[in-house]
């Protein structure tokens, strides 16, 4: 039976090759920079920059928990929903503050006008 590390390394190499081939087929100038990393230049709005694609096969945590991609995806979706809800609450609070500030400025303006009329 093969060593688990050898199996992982072989699988990673296979998928690096697949990603490399797909990117080359789409016309990208792909360069391998590490055993599990590919990079290629892009231009966006006149600026040249690089995309780095990393292929990894996680083993899990040190305490023996195996990596679960399905659970990671659920956690990510949950965090996106929480962030969206938090952003909505911030927008509502900001709108309330803007309304309160506007009302306060109008009241100050009225008070100033009344004071000027008394003088």
Foldseek 3Di string as FASTA:
>chain_A
DDDPVVVQLVVLQVVQVVVVVVCVVVPFPWDADDSFKIKTWDADPNDIDMDIDGGHDDQDDPVPDGDDPVVVVVVVVVVVVVVVVVVVVVVVVVVVVVVVVVVVVVVVVVVVVVVVVVD
